[in-house]
Protein backbone atom coordinates (compact mmCIF):
# COMPACT_ATOMS: atom_id res chain seq x y z
CA UNK A 1 -82.32 48.55 32.05
CA UNK A 2 -84.00 45.23 29.87
CA UNK A 3 -82.23 41.77 30.98
CA UNK A 4 -78.46 41.32 29.90
CA UNK A 5 -77.44 39.14 27.23
CA UNK A 6 -75.07 36.37 28.41
CA UNK A 7 -71.74 38.05 29.71
CA UNK A 8 -68.50 36.72 29.27
CA UNK A 9 -66.78 36.27 32.52
CA UNK A 10 -64.21 39.26 32.29
CA UNK A 11 -67.42 41.43 31.45
CA UNK A 12 -69.61 40.01 34.48
CA UNK A 13 -66.26 40.72 36.55
CA UNK A 14 -66.53 44.37 35.26
CA UNK A 15 -70.33 44.85 35.53
CA UNK A 16 -70.35 43.00 39.13
CA UNK A 17 -67.33 46.03 40.37
CA UNK A 18 -69.30 48.90 38.52
CA UNK A 19 -72.38 47.64 40.65
CA UNK A 20 -70.42 47.89 44.24
CA UNK A 21 -69.36 51.81 43.37
CA UNK A 22 -71.14 54.75 43.72
CA UNK A 23 -69.17 57.11 41.98
CA UNK A 24 -67.96 56.95 38.08
CA UNK A 25 -64.91 55.25 37.38
CA UNK A 26 -62.34 55.63 34.14
CA UNK A 27 -61.22 52.53 32.56
CA UNK A 28 -57.92 52.86 33.82
CA UNK A 29 -59.43 52.61 37.56
CA UNK A 30 -61.07 49.75 36.89
CA UNK A 31 -58.32 48.07 35.59
CA UNK A 32 -56.27 48.98 38.53
CA UNK A 33 -58.87 47.88 41.02
CA UNK A 34 -59.35 44.38 39.12
CA UNK A 35 -55.50 44.11 39.07
CA UNK A 36 -55.84 44.89 42.86
CA UNK A 37 -58.19 42.30 43.06
CA UNK A 38 -55.82 39.70 41.45
CA UNK A 39 -58.12 39.44 38.35
CA UNK A 40 -56.37 39.07 35.25
CA UNK A 41 -57.57 41.40 32.73
CA UNK A 42 -56.00 44.02 29.98
CA UNK A 43 -56.68 47.28 29.87
CA UNK A 44 -57.95 46.95 26.26
CA UNK A 45 -60.33 44.10 27.98
CA UNK A 46 -61.76 46.31 30.26
CA UNK A 47 -62.72 48.82 27.32
CA UNK A 48 -64.03 46.06 25.27
CA UNK A 49 -65.86 44.97 28.15
CA UNK A 50 -67.26 48.47 28.87
CA UNK A 51 -68.09 48.75 25.30
CA UNK A 52 -70.30 45.95 25.01
CA UNK A 53 -72.12 46.71 28.06
CA UNK A 54 -72.77 50.06 26.67
CA UNK A 55 -74.32 48.38 23.50
CA UNK A 56 -76.56 46.20 26.05
CA UNK A 57 -77.68 49.51 27.97
CA UNK A 58 -76.32 48.32 31.06
CA UNK A 59 -73.26 51.03 31.26
CA UNK A 60 -73.24 54.90 30.92
CA UNK A 61 -70.20 56.98 29.73
CA UNK A 62 -69.63 60.53 30.30
CA UNK A 63 -66.91 62.62 29.12
CA UNK A 64 -65.01 65.05 31.37
CA UNK A 65 -63.77 68.10 30.51
CA UNK A 66 -60.08 67.12 30.22
CA UNK A 67 -61.49 64.23 27.64
CA UNK A 68 -61.03 61.68 29.66
CA UNK A 69 -64.71 58.88 30.03
CA UNK A 70 -66.07 58.20 33.11
CA UNK A 71 -68.46 54.75 33.50
CA UNK A 72 -71.07 53.75 35.52
CA UNK A 73 -74.35 51.74 35.70
CA UNK A 74 -77.20 53.28 33.60
CA UNK A 75 -79.37 55.01 36.54
CA UNK A 76 -81.87 58.05 36.30
CA UNK A 77 -80.27 60.69 34.14
CA UNK A 78 -78.22 63.77 35.07
CA UNK A 79 -77.84 67.07 34.46
CA UNK A 80 -74.40 68.65 34.69
CA UNK A 81 -72.72 71.95 35.53
CA UNK A 82 -68.53 71.21 34.97
CA UNK A 83 -66.06 73.88 35.62
CA UNK A 84 -63.07 73.94 33.00
CA UNK A 85 -60.88 75.39 34.98
CA UNK A 86 -60.56 72.61 38.11
CA UNK A 87 -62.59 69.80 36.39
CA UNK A 88 -65.29 69.70 39.22
CA UNK A 89 -68.58 68.47 37.82
CA UNK A 90 -71.54 68.54 39.90
CA UNK A 91 -74.94 66.87 39.09
CA UNK A 92 -78.39 68.72 39.30
CA UNK A 93 -81.16 67.80 40.28
CA UNK A 94 -83.74 68.81 36.91
CA UNK A 95 -83.42 67.94 33.18
CA UNK A 96 -85.87 69.52 30.70
CA UNK A 97 -84.63 67.01 27.96
CA UNK A 98 -87.12 64.28 29.69
CA UNK A 99 -90.23 66.11 29.02
CA UNK A 100 -89.24 67.97 25.43
CA UNK A 101 -86.61 65.70 23.50
CA UNK A 102 -87.71 62.28 24.39
CA UNK A 103 -90.91 62.00 23.61
CA UNK A 104 -89.25 62.91 19.86
CA UNK A 105 -86.43 60.41 19.94
CA UNK A 106 -88.72 57.68 20.93
CA UNK A 107 -91.62 58.70 18.10
CA UNK A 108 -88.51 58.15 15.73
CA UNK A 109 -87.93 54.33 17.12
CA UNK A 110 -85.05 55.17 18.99
CA UNK A 111 -84.62 52.67 21.93
CA UNK A 112 -83.06 54.99 24.51
CA UNK A 113 -80.52 53.78 27.14
CA UNK A 114 -79.67 56.71 28.86
CA UNK A 115 -78.63 60.66 28.57
CA UNK A 116 -76.69 63.19 29.77
CA UNK A 117 -76.65 67.04 29.38
CA UNK A 118 -73.69 68.82 30.48
CA UNK A 119 -72.85 73.14 30.57
CA UNK A 120 -69.34 73.90 31.01
CA UNK A 121 -68.12 77.13 33.10
CA UNK A 122 -66.29 78.18 35.73
CA UNK A 123 -67.23 77.27 39.46
CA UNK A 124 -67.62 79.60 42.11
CA UNK A 125 -63.97 79.37 43.51
CA UNK A 126 -62.45 79.41 40.08
CA UNK A 127 -64.50 82.36 39.17
CA UNK A 128 -63.15 84.33 42.24
CA UNK A 129 -59.63 83.47 41.04
CA UNK A 130 -60.17 84.32 37.12
CA UNK A 131 -61.66 88.29 38.90
CA UNK A 132 -58.74 88.36 41.37
CA UNK A 133 -56.13 87.85 39.06
């Protein structure tokens, strides 16, 4: 991640909160946590701050199977398998995109901040429930 342009106080508050978290969180969870810490930010301000941080290449967003976006600081790219029934989402270690697609994207002069790859299906417990039913 390159150096961030100057952040507003609200954007800095959101960024600093994300630095303390180890997992992805929704905008609503960020809003609730900041309210609990006595910060006076509205939910729309949280969404605007997250969007600005995404455009800076500092924050990444991922859509869950229920359509909700979760946010985290940009880190190494991840490959996920996500169960469409229970919603569990598990990162996997290897991503073939890195060596096959990224060079082409870079040759097109895109500045890549991050990428995710996600497969949707049924996890083992949900698959067992499906076969029993």
